Amino acid sequence: MADSNEDLKHDVLIKSRQRMEMTGISDVSSFDEAEIIVQTGSSGVSIEGENLKIEKFNSENGELVLNGSINGMFYYSKKSSKKKKTFTDIFK
């Protein structure tokens, strides 16, 4: 049987760039008003923005809710904490 963290289903819902609801989150690695870094079963996710605040995090069911001005979201593998480039990075 695989590690239970690897089996977590991961979903993201962003409402009007002001509220984000995520499932399948195993840990919140770090957070401040400009960036929140979370872990899913197989990767890390960096949420960047302004005035970011964690409204709710339940480690038992993997649910995370945050509020603030959401500017971007980036995935990276756990083996490499370096963020992968996105289209917005390419056209800057």
PDB file of N, CA and C in Angstrom:
ATOM      1  N   MET A   1       0.841  -1.195   0.000  1.00  0.00           N
ATOM      2  CA  MET A   1       0.000   0.000   0.000  1.00  0.00           C
ATOM      3  C   MET A   1       0.878   1.247   0.000  1.00  0.00           C
ATOM      4  N   ALA A   2       0.512   2.235  -0.769  1.00  0.00           N
ATOM      5  CA  ALA A   2       1.286   3.472  -0.878  1.00  0.00           C
ATOM      6  C   ALA A   2       1.095   4.327   0.362  1.00  0.00           C
ATOM      7  N   ASP A   3       2.041   5.228   0.582  1.00  0.00           N
ATOM      8  CA  ASP A   3       1.962   6.188   1.669  1.00  0.00           C
ATOM      9  C   ASP A   3       0.672   6.987   1.544  1.00  0.00           C
ATOM     10  N   SER A   4      -0.039   7.183   2.645  1.00  0.00           N
ATOM     11  CA  SER A   4      -1.338   7.865   2.597  1.00  0.00           C
ATOM     12  C   SER A   4      -1.220   9.296   2.085  1.00  0.00           C
ATOM     13  N   ASN A   5      -0.089   9.973   2.326  1.00  0.00           N
ATOM     14  CA  ASN A   5       0.085  11.335   1.808  1.00  0.00           C
ATOM     15  C   ASN A   5       0.139  11.344   0.290  1.00  0.00           C
ATOM     16  N   GLU A   6       0.702  10.270  -0.321  1.00  0.00           N
ATOM     17  CA  GLU A   6       0.785  10.193  -1.774  1.00  0.00           C
ATOM     18  C   GLU A   6      -0.593   9.994  -2.390  1.00  0.00           C
ATOM     19  N   ASP A   7      -1.542   9.450  -1.628  1.00  0.00           N
ATOM     20  CA  ASP A   7      -2.865   9.134  -2.136  1.00  0.00           C
ATOM     21  C   ASP A   7      -3.856  10.285  -2.008  1.00  0.00           C
ATOM     22  N   LEU A   8      -3.474  11.385  -1.366  1.00  0.00           N
ATOM     23  CA  LEU A   8      -4.416  12.480  -1.168  1.00  0.00           C
ATOM     24  C   LEU A   8      -4.850  13.078  -2.508  1.00  0.00           C
ATOM     25  N   LYS A   9      -6.145  13.189  -2.687  1.00  0.00           N
ATOM     26  CA  LYS A   9      -6.677  13.875  -3.865  1.00  0.00           C
ATOM     27  C   LYS A   9      -6.499  15.373  -3.633  1.00  0.00           C
ATOM     28  N   HIS A  10      -6.160  16.091  -4.672  1.00  0.00           N
ATOM     29  CA  HIS A  10      -5.853  17.509  -4.543  1.00  0.00           C
ATOM     30  C   HIS A  10      -6.760  18.312  -5.468  1.00  0.00           C
ATOM     31  N   ASP A  11      -7.531  19.226  -4.889  1.00  0.00           N
ATOM     32  CA  ASP A  11      -8.398  20.116  -5.667  1.00  0.00           C
ATOM     33  C   ASP A  11      -8.183  21.551  -5.223  1.00  0.00           C
ATOM     34  N   VAL A  12      -8.400  22.483  -6.158  1.00  0.00           N
ATOM     35  CA  VAL A  12      -8.247  23.910  -5.886  1.00  0.00           C
ATOM     36  C   VAL A  12      -9.454  24.648  -6.450  1.00  0.00           C
ATOM     37  N   LEU A  13     -10.018  25.557  -5.646  1.00  0.00           N
ATOM     38  CA  LEU A  13     -11.100  26.425  -6.096  1.00  0.00           C
ATOM     39  C   LEU A  13     -10.720  27.853  -5.716  1.00  0.00           C
ATOM     40  N   ILE A  14     -10.650  28.739  -6.724  1.00  0.00           N
ATOM     41  CA  ILE A  14     -10.336  30.140  -6.481  1.00  0.00           C
ATOM     42  C   ILE A  14     -11.570  30.954  -6.815  1.00  0.00           C
ATOM     43  N   LYS A  15     -11.995  31.773  -5.865  1.00  0.00           N
ATOM     44  CA  LYS A  15     -13.182  32.608  -6.054  1.00  0.00           C
ATOM     45  C   LYS A  15     -12.768  34.072  -6.143  1.00  0.00           C
ATOM     46  N   SER A  16     -12.944  34.652  -7.321  1.00  0.00           N
ATOM     47  CA  SER A  16     -12.702  36.077  -7.567  1.00  0.00           C
ATOM     48  C   SER A  16     -11.309  36.535  -7.134  1.00  0.00           C
ATOM     49  N   ARG A  17     -10.330  35.640  -7.189  1.00  0.00           N
ATOM     50  CA  ARG A  17      -8.948  35.941  -6.792  1.00  0.00           C
ATOM     51  C   ARG A  17      -8.845  36.452  -5.367  1.00  0.00           C
ATOM     52  N   GLN A  18      -9.875  36.254  -4.547  1.00  0.00           N
ATOM     53  CA  GLN A  18      -9.870  36.730  -3.167  1.00  0.00           C
ATOM     54  C   GLN A  18      -9.964  35.598  -2.138  1.00  0.00           C
ATOM     55  N   ARG A  19     -10.364  34.422  -2.569  1.00  0.00           N
ATOM     56  CA  ARG A  19     -10.552  33.292  -1.662  1.00  0.00           C
ATOM     57  C   ARG A  19     -10.119  32.015  -2.375  1.00  0.00           C
ATOM     58  N   MET A  20      -9.351  31.193  -1.683  1.00  0.00           N
ATOM     59  CA  MET A  20      -8.901  29.923  -2.249  1.00  0.00           C
ATOM     60  C   MET A  20      -9.252  28.807  -1.281  1.00  0.00           C
ATOM     61  N   GLU A  21      -9.865  27.761  -1.828  1.00  0.00           N
ATOM     62  CA  GLU A  21     -10.184  26.569  -1.062  1.00  0.00           C
ATOM     63  C   GLU A  21      -9.417  25.413  -1.685  1.00  0.00           C
ATOM     64  N   MET A  22      -8.668  24.675  -0.859  1.00  0.00           N
ATOM     65  CA  MET A  22      -7.854  23.573  -1.353  1.00  0.00           C
ATOM     66  C   MET A  22      -8.127  22.327  -0.521  1.00  0.00           C
ATOM     67  N   THR A  23      -8.061  21.178  -1.165  1.00  0.00           N
ATOM     68  CA  THR A  23      -8.143  19.905  -0.457  1.00  0.00           C
ATOM     69  C   THR A  23      -6.896  19.103  -0.810  1.00  0.00           C
ATOM     70  N   GLY A  24      -6.605  18.094  -0.019  1.00  0.00           N
ATOM     71  CA  GLY A  24      -5.441  17.252  -0.254  1.00  0.00           C
ATOM     72  C   GLY A  24      -4.143  17.863   0.242  1.00  0.00           C
ATOM     73  N   ILE A  25      -4.231  18.780   1.195  1.00  0.00           N
ATOM     74  CA  ILE A  25      -3.046  19.445   1.727  1.00  0.00           C
ATOM     75  C   ILE A  25      -2.558  18.677   2.957  1.00  0.00           C
ATOM     76  N   SER A  26      -1.305  18.257   2.929  1.00  0.00           N
ATOM     77  CA  SER A  26      -0.762  17.488   4.045  1.00  0.00           C
ATOM     78  C   SER A  26      -0.070  18.365   5.082  1.00  0.00           C
ATOM     79  N   ASP A  27       0.402  19.567   4.678  1.00  0.00           N
ATOM     80  CA  ASP A  27       1.132  20.412   5.613  1.00  0.00           C
ATOM     81  C   ASP A  27       1.193  21.837   5.079  1.00  0.00           C
ATOM     82  N   VAL A  28       1.274  22.812   5.991  1.00  0.00           N
ATOM     83  CA  VAL A  28       1.570  24.194   5.634  1.00  0.00           C
ATOM     84  C   VAL A  28       3.016  24.419   6.051  1.00  0.00           C
ATOM     85  N   SER A  29       3.912  24.560   5.073  1.00  0.00           N
ATOM     86  CA  SER A  29       5.350  24.679   5.348  1.00  0.00           C
ATOM     87  C   SER A  29       5.733  26.042   5.886  1.00  0.00           C
ATOM     88  N   SER A  30       5.161  27.086   5.281  1.00  0.00           N
ATOM     89  CA  SER A  30       5.430  28.444   5.751  1.00  0.00           C
ATOM     90  C   SER A  30       4.329  29.363   5.246  1.00  0.00           C
ATOM     91  N   PHE A  31       4.199  30.498   5.930  1.00  0.00           N
ATOM     92  CA  PHE A  31       3.183  31.451   5.505  1.00  0.00           C
ATOM     93  C   PHE A  31       3.518  32.843   6.018  1.00  0.00           C
ATOM     94  N   ASP A  32       3.179  33.820   5.213  1.00  0.00           N
ATOM     95  CA  ASP A  32       3.171  35.223   5.603  1.00  0.00           C
ATOM     96  C   ASP A  32       2.175  35.920   4.682  1.00  0.00           C
ATOM     97  N   GLU A  33       2.085  37.228   4.750  1.00  0.00           N
ATOM     98  CA  GLU A  33       1.070  37.944   3.970  1.00  0.00           C
ATOM     99  C   GLU A  33       1.336  37.931   2.471  1.00  0.00           C
ATOM    100  N   ALA A  34       2.556  37.568   2.047  1.00  0.00           N
ATOM    101  CA  ALA A  34       2.908  37.593   0.623  1.00  0.00           C
ATOM    102  C   ALA A  34       2.984  36.208  -0.005  1.00  0.00           C
ATOM    103  N   GLU A  35       3.192  35.152   0.806  1.00  0.00           N
ATOM    104  CA  GLU A  35       3.338  33.808   0.241  1.00  0.00           C
ATOM    105  C   GLU A  35       2.973  32.752   1.277  1.00  0.00           C
ATOM    106  N   ILE A  36       2.231  31.761   0.813  1.00  0.00           N
ATOM    107  CA  ILE A  36       1.893  30.599   1.632  1.00  0.00           C
ATOM    108  C   ILE A  36       2.389  29.375   0.872  1.00  0.00           C
ATOM    109  N   ILE A  37       3.177  28.531   1.542  1.00  0.00           N
ATOM    110  CA  ILE A  37       3.706  27.322   0.919  1.00  0.00           C
ATOM    111  C   ILE A  37       3.098  26.119   1.615  1.00  0.00           C
ATOM    112  N   VAL A  38       2.454  25.258   0.817  1.00  0.00           N
ATOM    113  CA  VAL A  38       1.796  24.061   1.347  1.00  0.00           C
ATOM    114  C   VAL A  38       2.336  22.829   0.638  1.00  0.00           C
ATOM    115  N   GLN A  39       2.094  21.670   1.243  1.00  0.00           N
ATOM    116  CA  GLN A  39       2.526  20.402   0.672  1.00  0.00           C
ATOM    117  C   GLN A  39       1.303  19.553   0.358  1.00  0.00           C
ATOM    118  N   THR A  40       1.311  18.953  -0.827  1.00  0.00           N
ATOM    119  CA  THR A  40       0.315  17.955  -1.182  1.00  0.00           C
ATOM    120  C   THR A  40       1.014  16.603  -1.075  1.00  0.00           C
ATOM    121  N   GLY A  41       0.361  15.552  -1.472  1.00  0.00           N
ATOM    122  CA  GLY A  41       0.984  14.244  -1.397  1.00  0.00           C
ATOM    123  C   GLY A  41       2.251  14.129  -2.216  1.00  0.00           C
ATOM    124  N   SER A  42       2.285  14.739  -3.404  1.00  0.00           N
ATOM    125  CA  SER A  42       3.424  14.537  -4.297  1.00  0.00           C
ATOM    126  C   SER A  42       4.168  15.808  -4.679  1.00  0.00           C
ATOM    127  N   SER A  43       3.701  16.972  -4.259  1.00  0.00           N
ATOM    128  CA  SER A  43       4.375  18.207  -4.655  1.00  0.00           C
ATOM    129  C   SER A  43       4.133  19.312  -3.641  1.00  0.00           C
ATOM    130  N   GLY A  44       4.849  20.398  -3.829  1.00  0.00           N
ATOM    131  CA  GLY A  44       4.637  21.593  -3.041  1.00  0.00           C
ATOM    132  C   GLY A  44       3.892  22.616  -3.874  1.00  0.00           C
ATOM    133  N   VAL A  45       3.210  23.516  -3.202  1.00  0.00           N
ATOM    134  CA  VAL A  45       2.465  24.567  -3.889  1.00  0.00           C
ATOM    135  C   VAL A  45       2.767  25.883  -3.189  1.00  0.00           C
ATOM    136  N   SER A  46       3.129  26.885  -3.966  1.00  0.00           N
ATOM    137  CA  SER A  46       3.353  28.228  -3.452  1.00  0.00           C
ATOM    138  C   SER A  46       2.224  29.118  -3.946  1.00  0.00           C
ATOM    139  N   ILE A  47       1.523  29.760  -3.012  1.00  0.00           N
ATOM    140  CA  ILE A  47       0.467  30.712  -3.355  1.00  0.00           C
ATOM    141  C   ILE A  47       1.016  32.092  -3.046  1.00  0.00           C
ATOM    142  N   GLU A  48       1.053  32.976  -4.048  1.00  0.00           N
ATOM    143  CA  GLU A  48       1.605  34.303  -3.863  1.00  0.00           C
ATOM    144  C   GLU A  48       0.511  35.350  -4.000  1.00  0.00           C
ATOM    145  N   GLY A  49       0.645  36.424  -3.234  1.00  0.00           N
ATOM    146  CA  GLY A  49      -0.341  37.490  -3.291  1.00  0.00           C
ATOM    147  C   GLY A  49      -0.062  38.575  -2.278  1.00  0.00           C
ATOM    148  N   GLU A  50      -1.125  39.237  -1.853  1.00  0.00           N
ATOM    149  CA  GLU A  50      -1.020  40.320  -0.889  1.00  0.00           C
ATOM    150  C   GLU A  50      -2.075  40.120   0.191  1.00  0.00           C
ATOM    151  N   ASN A  51      -1.712  40.443   1.414  1.00  0.00           N
ATOM    152  CA  ASN A  51      -2.617  40.322   2.570  1.00  0.00           C
ATOM    153  C   ASN A  51      -3.210  38.916   2.689  1.00  0.00           C
ATOM    154  N   LEU A  52      -2.401  37.894   2.403  1.00  0.00           N
ATOM    155  CA  LEU A  52      -2.878  36.511   2.498  1.00  0.00           C
ATOM    156  C   LEU A  52      -3.023  36.098   3.958  1.00  0.00           C
ATOM    157  N   LYS A  53      -4.114  35.450   4.247  1.00  0.00           N
ATOM    158  CA  LYS A  53      -4.385  34.971   5.601  1.00  0.00           C
ATOM    159  C   LYS A  53      -5.022  33.588   5.514  1.00  0.00           C
ATOM    160  N   ILE A  54      -4.566  32.694   6.364  1.00  0.00           N
ATOM    161  CA  ILE A  54      -5.164  31.365   6.429  1.00  0.00           C
ATOM    162  C   ILE A  54      -6.404  31.456   7.305  1.00  0.00           C
ATOM    163  N   GLU A  55      -7.547  31.184   6.715  1.00  0.00           N
ATOM    164  CA  GLU A  55      -8.812  31.198   7.453  1.00  0.00           C
ATOM    165  C   GLU A  55      -9.014  29.873   8.184  1.00  0.00           C
ATOM    166  N   LYS A  56      -8.608  28.771   7.515  1.00  0.00           N
ATOM    167  CA  LYS A  56      -8.852  27.449   8.094  1.00  0.00           C
ATOM    168  C   LYS A  56      -7.849  26.457   7.529  1.00  0.00           C
ATOM    169  N   PHE A  57      -7.279  25.628   8.406  1.00  0.00           N
ATOM    170  CA  PHE A  57      -6.457  24.503   7.959  1.00  0.00           C
ATOM    171  C   PHE A  57      -6.767  23.320   8.864  1.00  0.00           C
ATOM    172  N   ASN A  58      -7.215  22.230   8.252  1.00  0.00           N
ATOM    173  CA  ASN A  58      -7.523  21.011   8.978  1.00  0.00           C
ATOM    174  C   ASN A  58      -6.591  19.925   8.454  1.00  0.00           C
ATOM    175  N   SER A  59      -5.585  19.577   9.253  1.00  0.00           N
ATOM    176  CA  SER A  59      -4.592  18.593   8.801  1.00  0.00           C
ATOM    177  C   SER A  59      -5.168  17.187   8.728  1.00  0.00           C
ATOM    178  N   GLU A  60      -6.251  16.931   9.464  1.00  0.00           N
ATOM    179  CA  GLU A  60      -6.850  15.599   9.438  1.00  0.00           C
ATOM    180  C   GLU A  60      -7.528  15.297   8.104  1.00  0.00           C
ATOM    181  N   ASN A  61      -8.253  16.282   7.545  1.00  0.00           N
ATOM    182  CA  ASN A  61      -8.907  16.029   6.252  1.00  0.00           C
ATOM    183  C   ASN A  61      -8.235  16.770   5.093  1.00  0.00           C
ATOM    184  N   GLY A  62      -7.145  17.495   5.357  1.00  0.00           N
ATOM    185  CA  GLY A  62      -6.375  18.138   4.301  1.00  0.00           C
ATOM    186  C   GLY A  62      -7.017  19.365   3.698  1.00  0.00           C
ATOM    187  N   GLU A  63      -7.915  20.007   4.420  1.00  0.00           N
ATOM    188  CA  GLU A  63      -8.630  21.161   3.893  1.00  0.00           C
ATOM    189  C   GLU A  63      -7.952  22.466   4.312  1.00  0.00           C
ATOM    190  N   LEU A  64      -7.779  23.375   3.339  1.00  0.00           N
ATOM    191  CA  LEU A  64      -7.187  24.685   3.583  1.00  0.00           C
ATOM    192  C   LEU A  64      -8.056  25.740   2.923  1.00  0.00           C
ATOM    193  N   VAL A  65      -8.317  26.827   3.641  1.00  0.00           N
ATOM    194  CA  VAL A  65      -9.044  27.971   3.099  1.00  0.00           C
ATOM    195  C   VAL A  65      -8.215  29.210   3.407  1.00  0.00           C
ATOM    196  N   LEU A  66      -7.959  30.031   2.393  1.00  0.00           N
ATOM    197  CA  LEU A  66      -7.220  31.264   2.621  1.00  0.00           C
ATOM    198  C   LEU A  66      -7.903  32.417   1.920  1.00  0.00           C
ATOM    199  N   ASN A  67      -7.663  33.615   2.438  1.00  0.00           N
ATOM    200  CA  ASN A  67      -8.237  34.848   1.893  1.00  0.00           C
ATOM    201  C   ASN A  67      -7.117  35.836   1.616  1.00  0.00           C
ATOM    202  N   GLY A  68      -7.360  36.762   0.712  1.00  0.00           N
ATOM    203  CA  GLY A  68      -6.408  37.805   0.368  1.00  0.00           C
ATOM    204  C   GLY A  68      -6.442  38.030  -1.132  1.00  0.00           C
ATOM    205  N   SER A  69      -5.534  38.829  -1.620  1.00  0.00           N
ATOM    206  CA  SER A  69      -5.432  39.096  -3.044  1.00  0.00           C
ATOM    207  C   SER A  69      -4.476  38.070  -3.641  1.00  0.00           C
ATOM    208  N   ILE A  70      -5.001  37.108  -4.389  1.00  0.00           N
ATOM    209  CA  ILE A  70      -4.210  36.006  -4.931  1.00  0.00           C
ATOM    210  C   ILE A  70      -3.661  36.406  -6.302  1.00  0.00           C
ATOM    211  N   ASN A  71      -2.327  36.425  -6.416  1.00  0.00           N
ATOM    212  CA  ASN A  71      -1.666  36.821  -7.666  1.00  0.00           C
ATOM    213  C   ASN A  71      -1.166  35.636  -8.477  1.00  0.00           C
ATOM    214  N   GLY A  72      -0.867  34.526  -7.828  1.00  0.00           N
ATOM    215  CA  GLY A  72      -0.336  33.390  -8.566  1.00  0.00           C
ATOM    216  C   GLY A  72      -0.225  32.155  -7.697  1.00  0.00           C
ATOM    217  N   MET A  73      -0.111  31.023  -8.385  1.00  0.00           N
ATOM    218  CA  MET A  73       0.012  29.740  -7.714  1.00  0.00           C
ATOM    219  C   MET A  73       1.012  28.907  -8.518  1.00  0.00           C
ATOM    220  N   PHE A  74       1.984  28.337  -7.839  1.00  0.00           N
ATOM    221  CA  PHE A  74       3.060  27.621  -8.517  1.00  0.00           C
ATOM    222  C   PHE A  74       3.278  26.257  -7.878  1.00  0.00           C
ATOM    223  N   TYR A  75       3.423  25.235  -8.708  1.00  0.00           N
ATOM    224  CA  TYR A  75       3.697  23.876  -8.235  1.00  0.00           C
ATOM    225  C   TYR A  75       5.180  23.570  -8.398  1.00  0.00           C
ATOM    226  N   TYR A  76       5.715  22.779  -7.499  1.00  0.00           N
ATOM    227  CA  TYR A  76       7.070  22.274  -7.629  1.00  0.00           C
ATOM    228  C   TYR A  76       7.150  20.904  -6.973  1.00  0.00           C
ATOM    229  N   SER A  77       8.089  20.085  -7.431  1.00  0.00           N
ATOM    230  CA  SER A  77       8.226  18.753  -6.862  1.00  0.00           C
ATOM    231  C   SER A  77       8.885  18.856  -5.499  1.00  0.00           C
ATOM    232  N   LYS A  78       8.637  17.871  -4.637  1.00  0.00           N
ATOM    233  CA  LYS A  78       9.247  17.880  -3.312  1.00  0.00           C
ATOM    234  C   LYS A  78      10.757  17.731  -3.404  1.00  0.00           C
ATOM    235  N   LYS A  79      11.244  17.049  -4.437  1.00  0.00           N
ATOM    236  CA  LYS A  79      12.686  16.843  -4.590  1.00  0.00           C
ATOM    237  C   LYS A  79      13.394  18.149  -4.918  1.00  0.00           C
ATOM    238  N   SER A  80      12.707  19.020  -5.622  1.00  0.00           N
ATOM    239  CA  SER A  80      13.282  20.306  -5.996  1.00  0.00           C
ATOM    240  C   SER A  80      12.375  21.407  -5.484  1.00  0.00           C
ATOM    241  N   SER A  81      12.863  22.189  -4.536  1.00  0.00           N
ATOM    242  CA  SER A  81      12.033  23.270  -4.007  1.00  0.00           C
ATOM    243  C   SER A  81      12.002  24.465  -4.945  1.00  0.00           C
ATOM    244  N   LYS A  82      12.718  24.379  -6.076  1.00  0.00           N
ATOM    245  CA  LYS A  82      12.706  25.458  -7.057  1.00  0.00           C
ATOM    246  C   LYS A  82      11.363  25.473  -7.779  1.00  0.00           C
ATOM    247  N   LYS A  83      10.778  26.646  -7.876  1.00  0.00           N
ATOM    248  CA  LYS A  83       9.488  26.792  -8.544  1.00  0.00           C
ATOM    249  C   LYS A  83       9.653  26.643 -10.043  1.00  0.00           C
ATOM    250  N   LYS A  84       8.686  26.017 -10.664  1.00  0.00           N
ATOM    251  CA  LYS A  84       8.687  25.881 -12.112  1.00  0.00           C
ATOM    252  C   LYS A  84       8.159  27.168 -12.731  1.00  0.00           C
ATOM    253  N   LYS A  85       8.708  27.522 -13.880  1.00  0.00           N
ATOM    254  CA  LYS A  85       8.255  28.733 -14.557  1.00  0.00           C
ATOM    255  C   LYS A  85       6.863  28.532 -15.147  1.00  0.00           C
ATOM    256  N   THR A  86       6.093  29.596 -15.164  1.00  0.00           N
ATOM    257  CA  THR A  86       4.768  29.578 -15.751  1.00  0.00           C
ATOM    258  C   THR A  86       4.730  30.576 -16.896  1.00  0.00           C
ATOM    259  N   PHE A  87       3.624  30.634 -17.591  1.00  0.00           N
ATOM    260  CA  PHE A  87       3.484  31.575 -18.708  1.00  0.00           C
ATOM    261  C   PHE A  87       3.692  33.014 -18.265  1.00  0.00           C
ATOM    262  N   THR A  88       3.247  33.379 -17.074  1.00  0.00           N
ATOM    263  CA  THR A  88       3.418  34.763 -16.624  1.00  0.00           C
ATOM    264  C   THR A  88       4.892  35.080 -16.430  1.00  0.00           C
ATOM    265  N   ASP A  89       5.716  34.092 -16.023  1.00  0.00           N
ATOM    266  CA  ASP A  89       7.141  34.314 -15.878  1.00  0.00           C
ATOM    267  C   ASP A  89       7.808  34.508 -17.240  1.00  0.00           C
ATOM    268  N   ILE A  90       7.380  33.757 -18.223  1.00  0.00           N
ATOM    269  CA  ILE A  90       7.980  33.800 -19.547  1.00  0.00           C
ATOM    270  C   ILE A  90       7.756  35.149 -20.211  1.00  0.00           C
ATOM    271  N   PHE A  91       6.578  35.739 -20.034  1.00  0.00           N
ATOM    272  CA  PHE A  91       6.226  36.978 -20.734  1.00  0.00           C
ATOM    273  C   PHE A  91       6.467  38.234 -19.917  1.00  0.00           C
ATOM    274  N   LYS A  92       7.201  38.143 -18.832  1.00  0.00           N
ATOM    275  CA  LYS A  92       7.521  39.344 -18.039  1.00  0.00           C
ATOM    276  C   LYS A  92       8.564  40.172 -18.713  1.00  0.00           C
TER     277      LYS A  92
END
